[in-house]
Amino acid sequence: MPEGHSVHRIARQFGANFVGTAPSVTSPQGRFAAGAAVLNGREMLDARAVGKQMFLEFEGDEWLRVHLGIYGAWDFAGEVRVDPSIQIHATKFGRGRLGQTGMAGVVDEAAEDSVTSIGAPRRMRMRMAENDRETREEGAFPPEPVGQVRVRLLNETVCADLRGPTACEVLTPAEVDAVIQRLGPDPANANTEAERQRFVERAHRKKTPIGLVLMDQAVVAGIGNVYRAEMLFRAELDPHTPANTLDRTVLEALWDDWAHLLEIGITVGQMITIDGLEGEAYRKALEQRDERHWVYKLEGTPCKRCGTNIVLEEMGNRKLYWCPGCQL
């Protein structure tokens, strides 16, 4: 499932390519035909993410809410402009990839990436989901819909196709506000002391394990399975510790670390959770999942810090990875 950084990256791509235009909105699949008819031809005014949910504002006080869930993805095609705040990594095969896991990218000798190096705008196709990738686009524009496209947004230069979302609906401003009020704070939108304390207050009321609390989108928005495991390891916290027994300073430190990791994820397009990587180590981290994480999907292997074997268990119907040596 895409975590918060992916959805922020997608929202920024909509900001760069659709905000200020009046795209046609259709539902090639047919399941969103009524909603598409409402939004069709209206100017897009804003694109924003809150945790794992994205909201596109259209003139006339209409909003499109999208939650990708486990299987959802956006494909962009055409003269796609890359938002200057995010990176795309060139690969050995002349392609780029924006993603969370399995990325085959390499970086330049300075271990940096520049979106200007790939050229923008240019004809391309870009998929943005849990595993994001970019390939050169050939043939006529717009391309024919491929697969079950729930909604297509199309302006003069760019096409965006949505497949497999958990939620795709038109909402009023009041309905959008109601959804957002149910979500916890998101440091990518407001990394303020007030939002930090809002997280601390919500977490500190929970008697459930901190390993469950970090996945509760009503407590903090955007954290998924990868960030949950890695944040707890970085904090040297036992995932089973009841959240209400933790000192407030520990919860504050968790918020600060989430803000730090989220910024990296949005900018780089990878959930790099090992700090201080440079040169070849950084290149490997972009290229290989195991080189950028401490514990995630490393069960049965020795901890990189203490040598204890990483444990895999189920918590809240999700896989939890942790180190009994470092986190007890």
Protein backbone atom coordinates (compact mmCIF):
# COMPACT_ATOMS: atom_id res chain seq x y z
CA MET A 1 0.00 0.00 0.00
CA PRO A 2 1.39 3.45 -0.87
CA GLU A 3 2.40 5.36 2.25
CA GLY A 4 2.10 9.09 2.85
CA HIS A 5 5.15 10.21 0.91
CA SER A 6 3.87 8.62 -2.33
CA VAL A 7 0.53 10.40 -2.12
CA HIS A 8 2.24 13.76 -1.51
CA ARG A 9 4.40 13.16 -4.59
CA ILE A 10 1.31 12.40 -6.67
CA ALA A 11 -0.46 15.54 -5.40
CA ARG A 12 2.56 17.64 -6.39
CA GLN A 13 2.46 16.16 -9.88
CA PHE A 14 -1.18 17.20 -10.18
CA GLY A 15 -0.17 20.65 -8.98
CA ALA A 16 2.49 20.88 -11.67
CA ASN A 17 0.38 19.50 -14.52
CA PHE A 18 -3.32 20.11 -13.87
CA VAL A 19 -3.91 22.95 -11.41
CA GLY A 20 -4.98 26.01 -13.39
CA THR A 21 -6.34 23.93 -16.26
CA ALA A 22 -9.87 22.69 -16.97
CA PRO A 23 -9.38 19.02 -17.83
CA SER A 24 -11.93 16.74 -19.34
CA VAL A 25 -12.91 14.10 -16.80
CA THR A 26 -14.21 10.75 -17.98
CA SER A 27 -14.64 7.23 -16.65
CA PRO A 28 -13.49 4.76 -19.32
CA GLN A 29 -14.45 1.91 -17.00
CA GLY A 30 -17.87 3.44 -16.39
CA ARG A 31 -17.94 3.04 -12.61
CA PHE A 32 -17.31 6.76 -12.02
CA ALA A 33 -19.44 8.11 -14.88
CA ALA A 34 -21.73 10.25 -12.69
CA GLY A 35 -18.86 11.78 -10.75
CA ALA A 36 -16.88 12.42 -13.93
CA ALA A 37 -19.84 14.29 -15.43
CA VAL A 38 -19.90 16.62 -12.41
CA LEU A 39 -16.19 17.49 -12.69
CA ASN A 40 -15.81 17.50 -16.47
CA GLY A 41 -14.51 20.79 -17.85
CA ARG A 42 -14.15 22.52 -14.49
CA GLU A 43 -10.91 24.26 -13.59
CA MET A 44 -8.74 22.43 -11.06
CA LEU A 45 -7.90 24.85 -8.28
CA ASP A 46 -5.81 22.81 -5.86
CA ALA A 47 -4.25 19.40 -5.24
CA ARG A 48 -3.35 18.29 -1.74
CA ALA A 49 -2.57 15.16 0.23
CA VAL A 50 -3.39 14.36 3.83
CA GLY A 51 -1.74 11.13 4.87
CA LYS A 52 -2.72 8.45 2.37
CA GLN A 53 -5.62 10.43 0.89
CA MET A 54 -5.56 12.96 -1.95
CA PHE A 55 -8.02 15.77 -2.59
CA LEU A 56 -8.37 17.61 -5.91
CA GLU A 57 -10.36 20.85 -5.77
CA PHE A 58 -12.41 21.97 -8.77
CA GLU A 59 -14.28 25.20 -9.37
CA GLY A 60 -17.83 25.18 -8.10
CA ASP A 61 -16.89 23.81 -4.67
CA GLU A 62 -16.50 20.26 -5.94
CA TRP A 63 -13.71 17.97 -4.72
CA LEU A 64 -12.41 14.63 -5.93
CA ARG A 65 -11.24 12.39 -3.06
CA VAL A 66 -8.99 9.46 -3.93
CA HIS A 67 -7.61 6.79 -1.63
CA LEU A 68 -5.37 4.37 -3.55
CA GLY A 69 -5.64 1.59 -0.99
CA ILE A 70 -3.56 -1.49 -1.72
CA TYR A 71 -3.96 -1.75 -5.49
CA GLY A 72 -4.57 1.81 -6.71
CA ALA A 73 -2.23 3.68 -9.05
CA TRP A 74 -2.06 6.83 -11.17
CA ASP A 75 -0.50 6.77 -14.65
CA PHE A 76 0.60 10.06 -16.17
CA ALA A 77 1.26 10.37 -19.92
CA GLY A 78 2.12 13.20 -22.28
CA GLU A 79 4.33 16.23 -21.75
CA VAL A 80 4.57 15.60 -18.03
CA ARG A 81 6.13 18.37 -16.00
CA VAL A 82 7.99 17.12 -12.93
CA ASP A 83 7.41 19.12 -9.79
CA PRO A 84 10.77 20.72 -8.90
CA SER A 85 10.53 19.59 -5.27
CA ILE A 86 10.82 15.89 -6.14
CA GLN A 87 13.60 13.82 -7.68
CA ILE A 88 13.57 11.32 -10.51
CA HIS A 89 16.48 8.90 -10.75
CA ALA A 90 18.05 7.98 -14.07
CA THR A 91 18.66 4.27 -14.53
CA LYS A 92 21.11 2.14 -16.44
CA PHE A 93 18.46 1.57 -19.08
CA GLY A 94 17.64 5.20 -19.83
CA ARG A 95 14.46 5.08 -17.80
CA GLY A 96 13.45 6.66 -14.56
CA ARG A 97 11.56 5.29 -11.60
CA LEU A 98 9.74 7.05 -8.81
CA GLY A 99 8.88 4.61 -6.10
CA GLN A 100 9.02 2.99 -2.72
CA THR A 101 10.38 -0.47 -3.27
CA GLY A 102 12.34 -2.39 -5.87
CA MET A 103 13.70 0.74 -7.54
CA ALA A 104 16.35 0.07 -10.18
CA GLY A 105 17.71 3.59 -10.18
CA VAL A 106 21.24 4.88 -10.01
CA VAL A 107 22.44 8.34 -9.09
CA ASP A 108 25.20 10.52 -10.45
CA GLU A 109 28.76 10.62 -9.11
CA ALA A 110 27.85 13.34 -6.62
CA ALA A 111 25.10 11.10 -5.22
CA GLU A 112 22.53 13.69 -6.19
CA ASP A 113 19.64 13.79 -8.61
CA SER A 114 18.18 16.70 -10.50
CA VAL A 115 14.76 16.71 -12.08
CA THR A 116 16.08 19.13 -14.69
CA SER A 117 18.47 16.50 -15.98
CA ILE A 118 15.65 14.45 -17.44
CA GLY A 119 14.04 17.37 -19.26
CA ALA A 120 10.58 18.74 -18.69
CA PRO A 121 8.18 18.87 -20.30
CA ARG A 122 8.74 15.74 -22.37
CA ARG A 123 6.66 12.91 -23.79
CA MET A 124 6.61 10.13 -21.25
CA ARG A 125 4.46 7.82 -19.19
CA MET A 126 4.81 7.84 -15.43
CA ARG A 127 3.13 5.46 -13.00
CA MET A 128 2.78 6.69 -9.43
CA ALA A 129 1.68 4.16 -6.83
CA GLU A 130 3.51 1.93 -4.36
CA ASN A 131 6.06 1.19 -7.08
CA ASP A 132 6.41 4.23 -9.34
CA ARG A 133 8.15 4.14 -12.67
CA GLU A 134 8.70 6.29 -15.71
CA THR A 135 9.21 5.27 -19.32
CA ARG A 136 9.47 7.18 -22.58
CA GLU A 137 6.11 7.61 -24.27
CA GLU A 138 5.65 6.72 -27.90
CA GLY A 139 2.66 6.99 -30.24
CA ALA A 140 -0.38 9.22 -30.33
CA PHE A 141 -1.54 11.40 -27.47
CA PRO A 142 -3.64 10.77 -25.54
CA PRO A 143 -2.92 7.05 -25.31
CA GLU A 144 -5.79 4.59 -25.35
CA PRO A 145 -6.94 3.62 -21.83
CA VAL A 146 -5.29 0.43 -20.66
CA GLY A 147 -7.07 -1.83 -18.20
CA GLN A 148 -9.84 -0.78 -15.85
CA VAL A 149 -9.43 3.02 -15.73
CA ARG A 150 -11.78 4.38 -13.08
CA VAL A 151 -11.21 8.01 -14.02
CA ARG A 152 -9.20 9.84 -16.66
CA LEU A 153 -8.22 13.50 -16.40
CA LEU A 154 -7.01 15.01 -19.68
CA ASN A 155 -5.88 18.49 -20.62
CA GLU A 156 -4.03 19.66 -23.73
CA THR A 157 -0.69 18.16 -22.73
CA VAL A 158 -1.12 15.60 -19.95
CA CYS A 159 -3.31 12.60 -19.22
CA ALA A 160 -3.75 11.00 -15.78
CA ASP A 161 -5.43 7.60 -15.43
CA LEU A 162 -6.58 6.13 -12.11
CA ARG A 163 -6.88 2.39 -11.62
CA GLY A 164 -7.92 0.25 -8.68
CA PRO A 165 -8.53 2.82 -5.92
CA THR A 166 -10.24 2.02 -2.64
CA ALA A 167 -12.10 5.35 -2.79
CA CYS A 168 -12.91 7.69 -5.67
CA GLU A 169 -15.75 10.11 -5.02
CA VAL A 170 -16.94 13.68 -5.48
CA LEU A 171 -17.37 15.56 -2.21
CA THR A 172 -18.56 18.96 -1.05
CA PRO A 173 -16.23 21.20 0.99
CA ALA A 174 -18.08 20.18 4.18
CA GLU A 175 -17.62 16.51 3.35
CA VAL A 176 -13.93 17.03 2.66
CA ASP A 177 -13.53 18.79 5.98
CA ALA A 178 -15.30 15.92 7.75
CA VAL A 179 -12.86 13.41 6.23
CA ILE A 180 -9.84 15.51 7.16
CA GLN A 181 -11.08 16.00 10.72
CA ARG A 182 -11.11 12.23 11.16
CA LEU A 183 -7.44 12.06 10.17
CA GLY A 184 -4.50 12.68 12.42
CA PRO A 185 -1.92 15.40 11.76
CA ASP A 186 0.40 15.22 8.74
CA PRO A 187 3.80 16.92 9.20
CA ALA A 188 4.19 17.38 5.44
CA ASN A 189 1.31 19.86 5.64
CA ALA A 190 2.01 21.47 9.00
CA ASN A 191 5.07 20.52 11.03
CA THR A 192 4.16 22.86 13.85
CA GLU A 193 4.26 22.55 17.61
CA ALA A 194 0.46 22.53 17.68
CA GLU A 195 0.29 19.56 15.29
CA ARG A 196 3.10 17.82 17.16
CA GLN A 197 1.16 18.11 20.39
CA ARG A 198 -2.05 16.99 18.68
CA PHE A 199 -0.27 13.77 17.77
CA VAL A 200 1.15 13.39 21.28
CA GLU A 201 -2.26 13.90 22.89
CA ARG A 202 -3.99 11.40 20.62
CA ALA A 203 -1.25 8.80 21.00
CA HIS A 204 -0.93 9.21 24.76
CA ARG A 205 -4.63 8.40 25.24
CA LYS A 206 -4.18 4.98 23.65
CA LYS A 207 -3.70 1.90 25.81
CA THR A 208 -2.92 -0.17 22.73
CA PRO A 209 0.67 -1.02 21.66
CA ILE A 210 2.61 1.77 20.02
CA GLY A 211 3.07 -0.58 17.06
CA LEU A 212 -0.69 -0.32 16.44
CA VAL A 213 -1.01 3.35 17.31
CA LEU A 214 1.46 4.48 14.64
CA MET A 215 -0.72 2.77 12.01
CA ASP A 216 -3.90 4.46 13.27
CA GLN A 217 -4.64 7.15 10.69
CA ALA A 218 -6.79 9.00 13.24
CA VAL A 219 -3.69 9.46 15.41
CA VAL A 220 -1.13 10.34 12.74
CA ALA A 221 -1.69 10.40 8.99
CA GLY A 222 0.42 8.61 6.42
CA ILE A 223 2.42 5.98 8.31
CA GLY A 224 2.19 2.47 6.89
CA ASN A 225 3.89 -0.84 7.46
CA VAL A 226 7.37 0.19 6.33
CA TYR A 227 7.63 3.46 8.21
CA ARG A 228 6.04 1.90 11.32
CA ALA A 229 8.71 -0.81 11.57
CA GLU A 230 11.60 1.49 10.77
CA MET A 231 10.53 4.31 13.10
CA LEU A 232 10.16 1.94 16.05
CA PHE A 233 13.61 0.50 15.38
CA ARG A 234 15.18 3.94 15.10
CA ALA A 235 13.56 4.88 18.43
CA GLU A 236 14.66 1.56 20.01
CA LEU A 237 11.06 0.98 21.09
CA ASP A 238 9.41 -2.36 21.80
CA PRO A 239 6.40 -2.39 19.44
CA HIS A 240 4.27 -3.96 22.18
CA THR A 241 4.68 -1.07 24.65
CA PRO A 242 1.31 0.55 25.45
CA ALA A 243 1.35 4.05 23.99
CA ASN A 244 -0.07 5.62 27.16
CA THR A 245 2.95 4.42 29.17
CA LEU A 246 5.45 6.23 26.98
CA ASP A 247 6.91 9.52 28.13
CA ARG A 248 5.64 12.50 26.15
CA THR A 249 9.20 13.27 25.07
CA VAL A 250 9.38 9.84 23.41
CA LEU A 251 6.21 10.57 21.46
CA GLU A 252 7.52 13.99 20.50
CA ALA A 253 10.70 12.36 19.19
CA LEU A 254 8.59 9.94 17.13
CA TRP A 255 6.77 12.88 15.53
CA ASP A 256 10.06 14.61 14.73
CA ASP A 257 11.46 11.44 13.18
CA TRP A 258 8.31 10.95 11.11
CA ALA A 259 8.61 14.51 9.80
CA HIS A 260 12.27 13.86 8.94
CA LEU A 261 11.66 10.56 7.14
CA LEU A 262 8.56 11.85 5.35
CA GLU A 263 10.49 14.78 3.89
CA ILE A 264 13.14 12.38 2.57
CA GLY A 265 10.48 10.12 1.09
CA ILE A 266 8.69 12.97 -0.68
CA THR A 267 11.87 14.45 -2.09
CA VAL A 268 13.73 11.28 -3.04
CA GLY A 269 10.83 8.94 -3.78
CA GLN A 270 12.26 6.23 -1.56
CA MET A 271 11.66 5.37 2.07
CA ILE A 272 15.31 5.65 3.04
CA THR A 273 15.39 5.08 6.80
CA ILE A 274 19.14 4.67 7.38
CA ASP A 275 20.73 8.06 7.91
CA GLY A 276 24.13 9.21 6.71
CA LEU A 277 24.33 7.17 3.51
CA GLU A 278 26.71 8.62 0.95
CA GLY A 279 28.28 7.66 -2.34
CA GLU A 280 28.07 3.95 -3.18
CA ALA A 281 26.04 3.23 -0.04
CA TYR A 282 23.44 5.80 -1.11
CA ARG A 283 23.34 4.43 -4.65
CA LYS A 284 22.79 0.94 -3.29
CA ALA A 285 20.05 2.24 -1.00
CA LEU A 286 18.19 3.67 -3.99
CA GLU A 287 18.67 0.46 -5.92
CA GLN A 288 18.09 -2.22 -3.25
CA ARG A 289 15.41 -2.21 -0.55
CA ASP A 290 17.52 -4.15 1.97
CA GLU A 291 20.23 -1.48 1.79
CA ARG A 292 17.92 1.35 2.85
CA HIS A 293 16.05 -0.28 5.75
CA TRP A 294 17.03 -1.55 9.18
CA VAL A 295 14.39 -4.24 9.73
CA TYR A 296 11.63 -4.15 7.11
CA LYS A 297 11.42 -7.51 5.29
CA LEU A 298 14.72 -8.55 6.84
CA GLU A 299 13.28 -11.26 9.09
CA GLY A 300 15.72 -14.03 10.00
CA THR A 301 18.78 -11.97 9.13
CA PRO A 302 21.19 -10.46 11.68
CA CYS A 303 20.41 -6.93 12.83
CA LYS A 304 22.81 -4.45 11.22
CA ARG A 305 23.32 -2.84 14.62
CA CYS A 306 23.43 -5.65 17.23
CA GLY A 307 23.49 -8.95 15.33
CA THR A 308 20.25 -10.35 16.79
CA ASN A 309 18.02 -11.97 14.18
CA ILE A 310 15.17 -9.76 13.00
CA VAL A 311 11.74 -11.10 14.01
CA LEU A 312 8.57 -11.19 11.93
CA GLU A 313 5.17 -11.35 13.64
CA GLU A 314 1.61 -10.28 12.96
CA MET A 315 0.23 -7.18 14.65
CA GLY A 316 -3.13 -5.73 13.72
CA ASN A 317 -3.40 -8.07 10.71
CA ARG A 318 -0.21 -6.59 9.28
CA LYS A 319 3.35 -7.89 9.25
CA LEU A 320 5.61 -6.35 11.88
CA TYR A 321 9.40 -6.51 11.64
CA TRP A 322 11.51 -5.70 14.69
CA CYS A 323 14.75 -6.47 16.50
CA PRO A 324 14.46 -8.07 19.98
CA GLY A 325 18.04 -7.03 20.70
CA CYS A 326 17.70 -3.32 19.99
CA GLN A 327 14.02 -2.83 20.85
CA LEU A 328 13.69 -4.35 24.32
